[in-house]
PDB file of N, CA and C in Angstrom:
ATOM      1  N   MET A   1     156.867 -44.496  78.235  1.00  0.00           N
ATOM      2  CA  MET A   1     155.492 -44.497  78.309  1.00  0.00           C
ATOM      3  C   MET A   1     154.736 -45.018  76.702  1.00  0.00           C
ATOM      4  N   LYS A   2     155.447 -45.216  75.926  1.00  0.00           N
ATOM      5  CA  LYS A   2     155.201 -45.880  74.985  1.00  0.00           C
ATOM      6  C   LYS A   2     154.218 -47.307  75.782  1.00  0.00           C
ATOM      7  N   ASN A   3     155.840 -47.939  76.416  1.00  0.00           N
ATOM      8  CA  ASN A   3     154.945 -49.416  77.132  1.00  0.00           C
ATOM      9  C   ASN A   3     153.721 -49.264  78.191  1.00  0.00           C
ATOM     10  N   LEU A   4     153.427 -48.403  78.911  1.00  0.00           N
ATOM     11  CA  LEU A   4     152.380 -47.775  78.957  1.00  0.00           C
ATOM     12  C   LEU A   4     151.173 -47.563  78.610  1.00  0.00           C
ATOM     13  N   LEU A   5     151.224 -47.048  77.845  1.00  0.00           N
ATOM     14  CA  LEU A   5     149.540 -47.042  76.929  1.00  0.00           C
ATOM     15  C   LEU A   5     149.615 -48.233  75.834  1.00  0.00           C
ATOM     16  N   ALA A   6     150.574 -48.901  75.855  1.00  0.00           N
ATOM     17  CA  ALA A   6     150.299 -50.264  75.269  1.00  0.00           C
ATOM     18  C   ALA A   6     149.126 -51.908  76.110  1.00  0.00           C
ATOM     19  N   ALA A   7     150.184 -51.575  77.560  1.00  0.00           N
ATOM     20  CA  ALA A   7     149.898 -52.219  78.853  1.00  0.00           C
ATOM     21  C   ALA A   7     148.534 -51.864  78.202  1.00  0.00           C
ATOM     22  N   ILE A   8     147.850 -50.655  78.737  1.00  0.00           N
ATOM     23  CA  ILE A   8     146.944 -50.318  78.919  1.00  0.00           C
ATOM     24  C   ILE A   8     145.303 -50.622  78.174  1.00  0.00           C
ATOM     25  N   PHE A   9     146.234 -50.797  76.207  1.00  0.00           N
ATOM     26  CA  PHE A   9     145.537 -51.058  75.587  1.00  0.00           C
ATOM     27  C   PHE A   9     145.226 -52.533  75.719  1.00  0.00           C
ATOM     28  N   ILE A  10     146.196 -53.194  75.785  1.00  0.00           N
ATOM     29  CA  ILE A  10     145.638 -54.664  75.494  1.00  0.00           C
ATOM     30  C   ILE A  10     144.956 -54.952  77.310  1.00  0.00           C
ATOM     31  N   PHE A  11     145.247 -54.528  78.138  1.00  0.00           N
ATOM     32  CA  PHE A  11     144.420 -54.568  79.585  1.00  0.00           C
ATOM     33  C   PHE A  11     143.034 -54.137  79.005  1.00  0.00           C
ATOM     34  N   THR A  12     142.878 -53.295  78.387  1.00  0.00           N
ATOM     35  CA  THR A  12     140.975 -52.980  78.372  1.00  0.00           C
ATOM     36  C   THR A  12     140.769 -53.585  77.377  1.00  0.00           C
ATOM     37  N   ILE A  13     141.312 -53.917  76.011  1.00  0.00           N
ATOM     38  CA  ILE A  13     140.780 -55.444  75.165  1.00  0.00           C
ATOM     39  C   ILE A  13     140.492 -56.503  75.673  1.00  0.00           C
ATOM     40  N   LEU A  14     141.404 -56.983  76.560  1.00  0.00           N
ATOM     41  CA  LEU A  14     141.007 -58.361  77.408  1.00  0.00           C
ATOM     42  C   LEU A  14     139.821 -57.934  78.343  1.00  0.00           C
ATOM     43  N   PHE A  15     139.936 -57.492  78.824  1.00  0.00           N
ATOM     44  CA  PHE A  15     138.379 -56.973  80.085  1.00  0.00           C
ATOM     45  C   PHE A  15     137.743 -56.642  79.044  1.00  0.00           C
ATOM     46  N   THR A  16     137.089 -56.271  77.664  1.00  0.00           N
ATOM     47  CA  THR A  16     136.546 -56.015  77.356  1.00  0.00           C
ATOM     48  C   THR A  16     135.679 -57.536  76.613  1.00  0.00           C
ATOM     49  N   ALA A  17     136.688 -58.475  75.819  1.00  0.00           N
ATOM     50  CA  ALA A  17     136.692 -59.376  75.645  1.00  0.00           C
ATOM     51  C   ALA A  17     136.046 -60.638  76.747  1.00  0.00           C
ATOM     52  N   CYS A  18     137.156 -60.863  77.389  1.00  0.00           N
ATOM     53  CA  CYS A  18     136.451 -61.024  79.162  1.00  0.00           C
ATOM     54  C   CYS A  18     135.607 -61.033  79.756  1.00  0.00           C
ATOM     55  N   SER A  19     134.102 -60.348  79.413  1.00  0.00           N
ATOM     56  CA  SER A  19     133.375 -59.274  79.971  1.00  0.00           C
ATOM     57  C   SER A  19     132.147 -60.624  80.382  1.00  0.00           C
ATOM     58  N   LYS A  20     131.139 -60.513  81.163  1.00  0.00           N
ATOM     59  CA  LYS A  20     130.515 -61.669  81.492  1.00  0.00           C
ATOM     60  C   LYS A  20     128.531 -61.392  80.819  1.00  0.00           C
ATOM     61  N   LYS A  21     128.878 -60.669  80.060  1.00  0.00           N
ATOM     62  CA  LYS A  21     127.802 -60.375  79.148  1.00  0.00           C
ATOM     63  C   LYS A  21     127.214 -61.648  77.750  1.00  0.00           C
ATOM     64  N   GLU A  22     126.576 -61.611  77.521  1.00  0.00           N
ATOM     65  CA  GLU A  22     126.349 -62.551  75.974  1.00  0.00           C
ATOM     66  C   GLU A  22     125.726 -61.617  74.982  1.00  0.00           C
ATOM     67  N   SER A  23     125.920 -61.989  74.514  1.00  0.00           N
ATOM     68  CA  SER A  23     126.082 -60.949  72.906  1.00  0.00           C
ATOM     69  C   SER A  23     124.407 -62.352  72.250  1.00  0.00           C
ATOM     70  N   PRO A  24     123.795 -61.522  71.837  1.00  0.00           N
ATOM     71  CA  PRO A  24     122.914 -61.579  71.398  1.00  0.00           C
ATOM     72  C   PRO A  24     122.935 -62.188  69.977  1.00  0.00           C
ATOM     73  N   GLY A  25     123.389 -63.663  70.399  1.00  0.00           N
ATOM     74  CA  GLY A  25     124.231 -64.544  68.989  1.00  0.00           C
ATOM     75  C   GLY A  25     122.994 -65.416  69.151  1.00  0.00           C
ATOM     76  N   PHE A  26     124.388 -66.831  68.172  1.00  0.00           N
ATOM     77  CA  PHE A  26     123.310 -68.478  68.859  1.00  0.00           C
ATOM     78  C   PHE A  26     122.714 -68.483  69.753  1.00  0.00           C
ATOM     79  N   GLY A  27     123.132 -67.950  71.030  1.00  0.00           N
ATOM     80  CA  GLY A  27     122.832 -68.619  72.921  1.00  0.00           C
ATOM     81  C   GLY A  27     121.099 -67.759  72.218  1.00  0.00           C
ATOM     82  N   ALA A  28     121.276 -66.855  72.306  1.00  0.00           N
ATOM     83  CA  ALA A  28     119.744 -66.393  72.382  1.00  0.00           C
ATOM     84  C   ALA A  28     118.410 -67.062  71.329  1.00  0.00           C
ATOM     85  N   GLU A  29     119.017 -67.204  69.854  1.00  0.00           N
ATOM     86  CA  GLU A  29     118.127 -67.618  69.076  1.00  0.00           C
ATOM     87  C   GLU A  29     117.592 -69.204  69.932  1.00  0.00           C
ATOM     88  N   GLN A  30     116.473 -69.921  69.822  1.00  0.00           N
ATOM     89  CA  GLN A  30     115.394 -71.018  70.480  1.00  0.00           C
ATOM     90  C   GLN A  30     116.017 -71.879  68.869  1.00  0.00           C
ATOM     91  N   GLU A  31     116.048 -73.076  69.150  1.00  0.00           N
ATOM     92  CA  GLU A  31     116.484 -74.685  68.804  1.00  0.00           C
ATOM     93  C   GLU A  31     114.429 -74.617  67.955  1.00  0.00           C
ATOM     94  N   VAL A  32     115.389 -74.626  66.405  1.00  0.00           N
ATOM     95  CA  VAL A  32     113.857 -74.780  65.646  1.00  0.00           C
ATOM     96  C   VAL A  32     114.325 -76.454  65.222  1.00  0.00           C
ATOM     97  N   LYS A  33     113.417 -77.085  65.283  1.00  0.00           N
ATOM     98  CA  LYS A  33     113.325 -78.457  64.939  1.00  0.00           C
ATOM     99  C   LYS A  33     112.996 -78.955  63.709  1.00  0.00           C
ATOM    100  N   VAL A  34     113.734 -78.950  62.231  1.00  0.00           N
ATOM    101  CA  VAL A  34     112.851 -79.042  61.137  1.00  0.00           C
ATOM    102  C   VAL A  34     113.125 -80.643  60.925  1.00  0.00           C
ATOM    103  N   ARG A  35     111.775 -81.175  60.593  1.00  0.00           N
ATOM    104  CA  ARG A  35     111.049 -82.073  59.870  1.00  0.00           C
ATOM    105  C   ARG A  35     110.949 -82.997  58.633  1.00  0.00           C
ATOM    106  N   TYR A  36     112.143 -83.603  58.606  1.00  0.00           N
ATOM    107  CA  TYR A  36     111.748 -84.017  56.785  1.00  0.00           C
ATOM    108  C   TYR A  36     111.033 -85.253  56.627  1.00  0.00           C
ATOM    109  N   ASP A  37     110.124 -84.964  55.583  1.00  0.00           N
ATOM    110  CA  ASP A  37     109.671 -86.464  54.990  1.00  0.00           C
ATOM    111  C   ASP A  37     110.937 -87.376  54.442  1.00  0.00           C
ATOM    112  N   THR A  38     111.189 -88.469  55.178  1.00  0.00           N
ATOM    113  CA  THR A  38     112.543 -89.207  54.640  1.00  0.00           C
ATOM    114  C   THR A  38     111.776 -90.565  53.956  1.00  0.00           C
ATOM    115  N   ALA A  39     110.280 -90.766  54.120  1.00  0.00           N
ATOM    116  CA  ALA A  39     110.000 -92.261  53.629  1.00  0.00           C
ATOM    117  C   ALA A  39     110.219 -91.690  51.860  1.00  0.00           C
ATOM    118  N   ALA A  40     111.342 -93.171  51.779  1.00  0.00           N
ATOM    119  CA  ALA A  40     111.730 -93.331  50.237  1.00  0.00           C
ATOM    120  C   ALA A  40     110.120 -93.903  49.726  1.00  0.00           C
ATOM    121  N   VAL A  41     110.236 -93.644  48.278  1.00  0.00           N
ATOM    122  CA  VAL A  41     108.817 -94.105  47.642  1.00  0.00           C
ATOM    123  C   VAL A  41     109.070 -94.607  46.540  1.00  0.00           C
ATOM    124  N   ASP A  42     108.878 -96.120  46.396  1.00  0.00           N
ATOM    125  CA  ASP A  42     108.915 -97.234  45.168  1.00  0.00           C
ATOM    126  C   ASP A  42     108.360 -97.387  44.181  1.00  0.00           C
ATOM    127  N   SER A  43     108.800 -97.246  43.651  1.00  0.00           N
ATOM    128  CA  SER A  43     107.874 -97.651  41.843  1.00  0.00           C
ATOM    129  C   SER A  43     106.838 -98.294  42.459  1.00  0.00           C
ATOM    130  N   PHE A  44     106.335 -99.277  43.455  1.00  0.00           N
ATOM    131  CA  PHE A  44     105.860-100.461  43.436  1.00  0.00           C
ATOM    132  C   PHE A  44     104.810-100.225  44.740  1.00  0.00           C
ATOM    133  N   SER A  45     105.362 -98.812  45.489  1.00  0.00           N
ATOM    134  CA  SER A  45     104.973 -98.777  46.448  1.00  0.00           C
ATOM    135  C   SER A  45     103.857 -98.038  46.062  1.00  0.00           C
ATOM    136  N   THR A  46     102.215 -97.506  47.506  1.00  0.00           N
ATOM    137  CA  THR A  46     101.449 -96.550  46.883  1.00  0.00           C
ATOM    138  C   THR A  46     101.096 -95.162  47.096  1.00  0.00           C
ATOM    139  N   GLY A  47     102.656 -94.991  47.363  1.00  0.00           N
ATOM    140  CA  GLY A  47     102.708 -93.507  46.879  1.00  0.00           C
ATOM    141  C   GLY A  47     103.084 -93.481  45.482  1.00  0.00           C
ATOM    142  N   ALA A  48     103.280 -94.002  44.895  1.00  0.00           N
ATOM    143  CA  ALA A  48     103.937 -94.026  42.994  1.00  0.00           C
ATOM    144  C   ALA A  48     102.777 -93.684  41.829  1.00  0.00           C
ATOM    145  N   VAL A  49     102.236 -94.278  42.896  1.00  0.00           N
ATOM    146  CA  VAL A  49     101.257 -94.293  41.011  1.00  0.00           C
ATOM    147  C   VAL A  49      99.558 -92.805  41.165  1.00  0.00           C
ATOM    148  N   SER A  50      99.759 -92.836  39.945  1.00  0.00           N
ATOM    149  CA  SER A  50      98.754 -91.650  40.225  1.00  0.00           C
ATOM    150  C   SER A  50      97.535 -91.481  40.368  1.00  0.00           C
ATOM    151  N   VAL A  51      97.357 -90.662  41.462  1.00  0.00           N
ATOM    152  CA  VAL A  51      95.590 -90.654  41.300  1.00  0.00           C
ATOM    153  C   VAL A  51      94.980 -91.142  40.783  1.00  0.00           C
ATOM    154  N   ASP A  52      94.890 -90.826  39.401  1.00  0.00           N
ATOM    155  CA  ASP A  52      93.856 -90.727  37.870  1.00  0.00           C
ATOM    156  C   ASP A  52      93.918 -92.587  37.493  1.00  0.00           C
ATOM    157  N   ILE A  53      94.910 -92.826  38.148  1.00  0.00           N
ATOM    158  CA  ILE A  53      94.996 -94.843  37.651  1.00  0.00           C
ATOM    159  C   ILE A  53      94.906 -95.653  38.870  1.00  0.00           C
ATOM    160  N   ALA A  54      95.464 -94.930  40.230  1.00  0.00           N
ATOM    161  CA  ALA A  54      94.873 -95.794  41.006  1.00  0.00           C
ATOM    162  C   ALA A  54      93.183 -96.106  41.355  1.00  0.00           C
ATOM    163  N   ARG A  55      92.128 -94.814  40.216  1.00  0.00           N
ATOM    164  CA  ARG A  55      91.234 -94.612  40.399  1.00  0.00           C
ATOM    165  C   ARG A  55      90.534 -95.930  39.213  1.00  0.00           C
ATOM    166  N   LYS A  56      91.137 -95.499  38.193  1.00  0.00           N
ATOM    167  CA  LYS A  56      91.531 -96.388  36.534  1.00  0.00           C
ATOM    168  C   LYS A  56      90.827 -98.039  37.461  1.00  0.00           C
ATOM    169  N   ILE A  57      92.202 -97.996  37.999  1.00  0.00           N
ATOM    170  CA  ILE A  57      92.240 -99.297  38.674  1.00  0.00           C
ATOM    171  C   ILE A  57      91.199-100.068  39.479  1.00  0.00           C
ATOM    172  N   ARG A  58      91.031 -99.049  40.577  1.00  0.00           N
ATOM    173  CA  ARG A  58      89.440 -99.698  41.058  1.00  0.00           C
ATOM    174  C   ARG A  58      88.474 -99.993  40.632  1.00  0.00           C
ATOM    175  N   MET A  59      87.775 -99.029  40.234  1.00  0.00           N
ATOM    176  CA  MET A  59      86.493 -99.125  38.647  1.00  0.00           C
ATOM    177  C   MET A  59      87.317 -99.711  38.030  1.00  0.00           C
ATOM    178  N   SER A  60      87.806-100.434  37.896  1.00  0.00           N
ATOM    179  CA  SER A  60      88.256-101.786  37.235  1.00  0.00           C
ATOM    180  C   SER A  60      87.631-103.061  37.614  1.00  0.00           C
ATOM    181  N   SER A  61      87.849-103.053  38.649  1.00  0.00           N
ATOM    182  CA  SER A  61      88.456-104.296  39.736  1.00  0.00           C
ATOM    183  C   SER A  61      86.743-105.002  39.850  1.00  0.00           C
ATOM    184  N   PRO A  62      86.623-106.108  40.083  1.00  0.00           N
ATOM    185  CA  PRO A  62      85.717-107.207  40.381  1.00  0.00           C
ATOM    186  C   PRO A  62      84.543-106.505  41.546  1.00  0.00           C
ATOM    187  N   GLN A  63      85.600-105.641  42.600  1.00  0.00           N
ATOM    188  CA  GLN A  63      84.551-105.904  43.971  1.00  0.00           C
ATOM    189  C   GLN A  63      83.400-104.554  43.648  1.00  0.00           C
ATOM    190  N   TYR A  64      84.269-103.614  42.685  1.00  0.00           N
ATOM    191  CA  TYR A  64      83.956-101.904  42.066  1.00  0.00           C
ATOM    192  C   TYR A  64      82.147-102.371  40.931  1.00  0.00           C
ATOM    193  N   ILE A  65      82.870-103.510  40.323  1.00  0.00           N
ATOM    194  CA  ILE A  65      82.026-103.478  39.434  1.00  0.00           C
ATOM    195  C   ILE A  65      80.413-104.185  39.861  1.00  0.00           C
ATOM    196  N   ASP A  66      80.658-105.223  40.929  1.00  0.00           N
ATOM    197  CA  ASP A  66      79.511-106.461  41.647  1.00  0.00           C
ATOM    198  C   ASP A  66      78.839-104.959  42.407  1.00  0.00           C
ATOM    199  N   SER A  67      80.109-104.176  43.332  1.00  0.00           N
ATOM    200  CA  SER A  67      78.645-103.008  43.933  1.00  0.00           C
ATOM    201  C   SER A  67      77.599-102.189  43.241  1.00  0.00           C
ATOM    202  N   VAL A  68      78.464-101.888  41.416  1.00  0.00           N
ATOM    203  CA  VAL A  68      78.099-100.995  41.136  1.00  0.00           C
ATOM    204  C   VAL A  68      76.329-101.577  40.095  1.00  0.00           C
ATOM    205  N   LYS A  69      76.825-102.996  40.218  1.00  0.00           N
ATOM    206  CA  LYS A  69      75.363-104.013  39.787  1.00  0.00           C
ATOM    207  C   LYS A  69      74.888-103.899  41.095  1.00  0.00           C
ATOM    208  N   GLN A  70      74.775-104.582  42.340  1.00  0.00           N
ATOM    209  CA  GLN A  70      73.893-104.005  43.305  1.00  0.00           C
ATOM    210  C   GLN A  70      73.569-103.197  43.627  1.00  0.00           C
ATOM    211  N   ALA A  71      73.788-101.853  43.507  1.00  0.00           N
ATOM    212  CA  ALA A  71      73.314-100.462  43.757  1.00  0.00           C
ATOM    213  C   ALA A  71      72.179-100.521  42.338  1.00  0.00           C
ATOM    214  N   LYS A  72      72.642-100.870  41.308  1.00  0.00           N
ATOM    215  CA  LYS A  72      71.496-100.715  39.973  1.00  0.00           C
ATOM    216  C   LYS A  72      70.325-101.384  40.898  1.00  0.00           C
ATOM    217  N   LYS A  73      70.822-102.641  40.623  1.00  0.00           N
ATOM    218  CA  LYS A  73      69.356-103.732  41.633  1.00  0.00           C
ATOM    219  C   LYS A  73      68.488-103.024  43.109  1.00  0.00           C
ATOM    220  N   LEU A  74      69.370-102.272  43.555  1.00  0.00           N
ATOM    221  CA  LEU A  74      68.442-101.508  44.792  1.00  0.00           C
ATOM    222  C   LEU A  74      67.588-100.708  44.081  1.00  0.00           C
ATOM    223  N   LEU A  75      68.123 -99.564  43.183  1.00  0.00           N
ATOM    224  CA  LEU A  75      67.465 -98.922  42.591  1.00  0.00           C
ATOM    225  C   LEU A  75      66.333 -99.111  41.858  1.00  0.00           C
ATOM    226  N   GLU A  76      66.539-100.923  41.354  1.00  0.00           N
ATOM    227  CA  GLU A  76      65.217-100.985  39.900  1.00  0.00           C
ATOM    228  C   GLU A  76      63.767-101.660  41.188  1.00  0.00           C
ATOM    229  N   GLU A  77      64.771-102.249  42.254  1.00  0.00           N
ATOM    230  CA  GLU A  77      63.311-102.782  43.415  1.00  0.00           C
ATOM    231  C   GLU A  77      63.227-101.037  43.791  1.00  0.00           C
ATOM    232  N   GLU A  78      63.485-100.495  43.892  1.00  0.00           N
ATOM    233  CA  GLU A  78      62.757 -99.193  45.255  1.00  0.00           C
ATOM    234  C   GLU A  78      62.283 -98.650  43.829  1.00  0.00           C
ATOM    235  N   ASN A  79      62.337 -98.233  42.680  1.00  0.00           N
ATOM    236  CA  ASN A  79      61.174 -97.621  41.927  1.00  0.00           C
ATOM    237  C   ASN A  79      60.417 -98.541  41.373  1.00  0.00           C
ATOM    238  N   LYS A  80      60.351-100.151  42.243  1.00  0.00           N
ATOM    239  CA  LYS A  80      59.876-100.757  41.535  1.00  0.00           C
ATOM    240  C   LYS A  80      58.260-101.002  42.643  1.00  0.00           C
ATOM    241  N   LEU A  81      58.742-100.531  43.515  1.00  0.00           N
ATOM    242  CA  LEU A  81      57.599-100.592  45.302  1.00  0.00           C
ATOM    243  C   LEU A  81      57.320 -99.201  45.122  1.00  0.00           C
ATOM    244  N   LYS A  82      58.058 -97.925  44.498  1.00  0.00           N
ATOM    245  CA  LYS A  82      57.442 -96.587  44.904  1.00  0.00           C
ATOM    246  C   LYS A  82      56.268 -96.897  43.595  1.00  0.00           C
ATOM    247  N   ALA A  83      56.164 -97.546  42.299  1.00  0.00           N
ATOM    248  CA  ALA A  83      54.932 -97.283  41.259  1.00  0.00           C
ATOM    249  C   ALA A  83      54.006 -98.476  42.218  1.00  0.00           C
ATOM    250  N   GLU A  84      54.403 -99.670  42.622  1.00  0.00           N
ATOM    251  CA  GLU A  84      53.327-100.001  43.215  1.00  0.00           C
ATOM    252  C   GLU A  84      52.569 -99.509  44.336  1.00  0.00           C
ATOM    253  N   LEU A  85      53.067 -98.570  44.788  1.00  0.00           N
ATOM    254  CA  LEU A  85      52.515 -98.018  46.183  1.00  0.00           C
ATOM    255  C   LEU A  85      51.825 -97.042  45.497  1.00  0.00           C
ATOM    256  N   GLU A  86      52.759 -96.133  44.050  1.00  0.00           N
ATOM    257  CA  GLU A  86      51.339 -95.257  43.572  1.00  0.00           C
ATOM    258  C   GLU A  86      50.087 -95.979  42.727  1.00  0.00           C
ATOM    259  N   LYS A  87      50.145 -97.221  42.536  1.00  0.00           N
ATOM    260  CA  LYS A  87      49.182 -97.965  41.894  1.00  0.00           C
ATOM    261  C   LYS A  87      48.447 -98.237  43.595  1.00  0.00           C
ATOM    262  N   GLU A  88      48.456 -98.813  44.088  1.00  0.00           N
ATOM    263  CA  GLU A  88      47.524 -98.344  45.579  1.00  0.00           C
ATOM    264  C   GLU A  88      46.859 -97.932  45.876  1.00  0.00           C
ATOM    265  N   LYS A  89      47.808 -96.771  46.155  1.00  0.00           N
ATOM    266  CA  LYS A  89      47.644 -95.125  45.989  1.00  0.00           C
ATOM    267  C   LYS A  89      45.999 -94.751  45.426  1.00  0.00           C
ATOM    268  N   LYS A  90      46.093 -95.007  43.834  1.00  0.00           N
ATOM    269  CA  LYS A  90      45.223 -94.681  43.067  1.00  0.00           C
ATOM    270  C   LYS A  90      44.335 -95.830  43.563  1.00  0.00           C
ATOM    271  N   GLY A  91      44.665 -96.998  43.568  1.00  0.00           N
ATOM    272  CA  GLY A  91      43.365 -98.078  43.574  1.00  0.00           C
ATOM    273  C   GLY A  91      42.011 -97.683  44.566  1.00  0.00           C
ATOM    274  N   LYS A  92      42.705 -97.526  45.657  1.00  0.00           N
ATOM    275  CA  LYS A  92      41.929 -97.203  46.935  1.00  0.00           C
ATOM    276  C   LYS A  92      40.903 -95.923  46.703  1.00  0.00           C
ATOM    277  N   PRO A  93      40.574 -95.113  46.601  1.00  0.00           N
ATOM    278  CA  PRO A  93      40.279 -94.464  46.291  1.00  0.00           C
ATOM    279  C   PRO A  93      38.960 -94.840  45.071  1.00  0.00           C
ATOM    280  N   GLU A  94      39.544 -95.649  44.079  1.00  0.00           N
ATOM    281  CA  GLU A  94      38.270 -96.031  43.309  1.00  0.00           C
ATOM    282  C   GLU A  94      37.634 -97.175  43.724  1.00  0.00           C
ATOM    283  N   GLU A  95      38.387 -98.011  44.350  1.00  0.00           N
ATOM    284  CA  GLU A  95      37.532 -99.151  45.351  1.00  0.00           C
ATOM    285  C   GLU A  95      36.709 -98.254  46.381  1.00  0.00           C
ATOM    286  N   GLU A  96      37.045 -97.622  47.119  1.00  0.00           N
ATOM    287  CA  GLU A  96      35.907 -96.628  47.725  1.00  0.00           C
ATOM    288  C   GLU A  96      34.746 -95.809  47.961  1.00  0.00           C
ATOM    289  N   LYS A  97      34.744 -95.593  46.303  1.00  0.00           N
ATOM    290  CA  LYS A  97      34.099 -94.543  45.520  1.00  0.00           C
ATOM    291  C   LYS A  97      32.883 -96.231  44.964  1.00  0.00           C
ATOM    292  N   LYS A  98      33.706 -97.180  44.400  1.00  0.00           N
ATOM    293  CA  LYS A  98      32.727 -98.681  43.963  1.00  0.00           C
ATOM    294  C   LYS A  98      31.850 -99.064  45.167  1.00  0.00           C
ATOM    295  N   LYS A  99      32.265 -99.126  46.276  1.00  0.00           N
ATOM    296  CA  LYS A  99      31.921 -99.558  47.556  1.00  0.00           C
ATOM    297  C   LYS A  99      30.861 -98.443  47.730  1.00  0.00           C
ATOM    298  N   ALA A 100      30.800 -97.266  48.127  1.00  0.00           N
ATOM    299  CA  ALA A 100      30.009 -96.318  48.237  1.00  0.00           C
ATOM    300  C   ALA A 100      28.203 -96.472  47.564  1.00  0.00           C
ATOM    301  N   GLU A 101      29.316 -96.342  45.891  1.00  0.00           N
ATOM    302  CA  GLU A 101      28.174 -97.147  44.873  1.00  0.00           C
ATOM    303  C   GLU A 101      27.396 -98.305  45.199  1.00  0.00           C
ATOM    304  N   ALA A 102      27.588 -98.961  45.459  1.00  0.00           N
ATOM    305  CA  ALA A 102      27.207-100.240  46.136  1.00  0.00           C
ATOM    306  C   ALA A 102      26.429-100.459  46.721  1.00  0.00           C
ATOM    307  N   GLU A 103      27.074 -99.542  47.982  1.00  0.00           N
ATOM    308  CA  GLU A 103      25.786 -99.679  49.044  1.00  0.00           C
ATOM    309  C   GLU A 103      24.722 -98.194  48.710  1.00  0.00           C
ATOM    310  N   LYS A 104      24.578 -97.554  48.328  1.00  0.00           N
ATOM    311  CA  LYS A 104      23.865 -96.483  47.548  1.00  0.00           C
ATOM    312  C   LYS A 104      22.878 -97.426  46.674  1.00  0.00           C
ATOM    313  N   LYS A 105      23.302 -98.063  45.464  1.00  0.00           N
ATOM    314  CA  LYS A 105      22.298 -99.066  45.296  1.00  0.00           C
ATOM    315  C   LYS A 105      21.692-100.027  46.432  1.00  0.00           C
ATOM    316  N   GLN A 106      22.014-100.986  46.913  1.00  0.00           N
ATOM    317  CA  GLN A 106      21.427-101.147  48.299  1.00  0.00           C
ATOM    318  C   GLN A 106      20.584-100.540  48.846  1.00  0.00           C
ATOM    319  N   LYS A 107      20.725 -99.629  49.351  1.00  0.00           N
ATOM    320  CA  LYS A 107      20.125 -98.781  50.374  1.00  0.00           C
ATOM    321  C   LYS A 107      18.868 -98.356  49.289  1.00  0.00           C
ATOM    322  N   SER A 108      18.681 -97.797  48.295  1.00  0.00           N
ATOM    323  CA  SER A 108      17.827 -97.336  47.400  1.00  0.00           C
ATOM    324  C   SER A 108      17.479 -98.817  46.754  1.00  0.00           C
ATOM    325  N   SER A 109      17.815-100.208  46.444  1.00  0.00           N
ATOM    326  CA  SER A 109      17.262-101.037  46.211  1.00  0.00           C
ATOM    327  C   SER A 109      16.313-101.666  47.361  1.00  0.00           C
ATOM    328  N   GLU A 110      16.805-101.518  48.734  1.00  0.00           N
ATOM    329  CA  GLU A 110      15.970-101.630  49.985  1.00  0.00           C
ATOM    330  C   GLU A 110      15.112-100.684  50.548  1.00  0.00           C
ATOM    331  N   LYS A 111      15.131 -99.650  50.601  1.00  0.00           N
ATOM    332  CA  LYS A 111      13.802 -98.453  50.314  1.00  0.00           C
ATOM    333  C   LYS A 111      12.965 -99.084  49.940  1.00  0.00           C
ATOM    334  N   PRO A 112      12.571 -99.214  48.388  1.00  0.00           N
ATOM    335  CA  PRO A 112      11.883 -99.079  47.727  1.00  0.00           C
ATOM    336  C   PRO A 112      10.908-100.237  47.986  1.00  0.00           C
ATOM    337  N   SER A 113      11.740-101.947  48.317  1.00  0.00           N
ATOM    338  CA  SER A 113      11.133-102.785  48.883  1.00  0.00           C
ATOM    339  C   SER A 113      10.466-102.919  49.894  1.00  0.00           C
ATOM    340  N   ALA A 114      10.986-101.594  51.670  1.00  0.00           N
ATOM    341  CA  ALA A 114       9.809-101.481  52.560  1.00  0.00           C
ATOM    342  C   ALA A 114       8.956-101.714  52.177  1.00  0.00           C
ATOM    343  N   PRO A 115       8.901 -99.894  51.490  1.00  0.00           N
ATOM    344  CA  PRO A 115       7.768 -99.713  51.312  1.00  0.00           C
ATOM    345  C   PRO A 115       6.886-100.818  51.273  1.00  0.00           C
ATOM    346  N   GLU A 116       6.667-101.480  50.175  1.00  0.00           N
ATOM    347  CA  GLU A 116       5.984-102.234  49.581  1.00  0.00           C
ATOM    348  C   GLU A 116       5.470-102.822  50.416  1.00  0.00           C
ATOM    349  N   THR A 117       6.250-103.673  50.912  1.00  0.00           N
ATOM    350  CA  THR A 117       5.716-104.841  51.812  1.00  0.00           C
ATOM    351  C   THR A 117       5.014-104.121  53.244  1.00  0.00           C
ATOM    352  N   LYS A 118       5.114-103.079  53.356  1.00  0.00           N
ATOM    353  CA  LYS A 118       4.421-102.251  53.850  1.00  0.00           C
ATOM    354  C   LYS A 118       2.795-102.161  53.443  1.00  0.00           C
ATOM    355  N   THR A 119       2.896-101.635  52.313  1.00  0.00           N
ATOM    356  CA  THR A 119       1.574-101.874  52.210  1.00  0.00           C
ATOM    357  C   THR A 119       0.875-102.611  52.010  1.00  0.00           C
ATOM    358  N   GLU A 120       1.188-103.594  51.468  1.00  0.00           N
ATOM    359  CA  GLU A 120       0.699-105.408  51.724  1.00  0.00           C
ATOM    360  C   GLU A 120      -0.301-105.385  52.326  1.00  0.00           C
TER     361      GLU A 120
END
């Protein structure tokens, strides 16, 4: 009887161990792809210089200095043009006033002379 119970016990263990059910373990999980940044940063590569130092280097370059000078020149030219336009705008009303006064003077000088010629 002991042999029969032992055989049944072993048979049930083998039966449950060899079942077709999949356990929710490694097979149920999805594969996760991990991406690593493996680029080596050399002491002379672009990533090795801090942002502040790179900014100072760029600012000290002749190209940057020249571009700043050009920008200043453009601003000065714009300011000069604006000043000239303002002078022209101010000058136009004054010229118009002078022309209007000159026309009034001419008209007033023509009116008295015209009646004098009629009376003679």
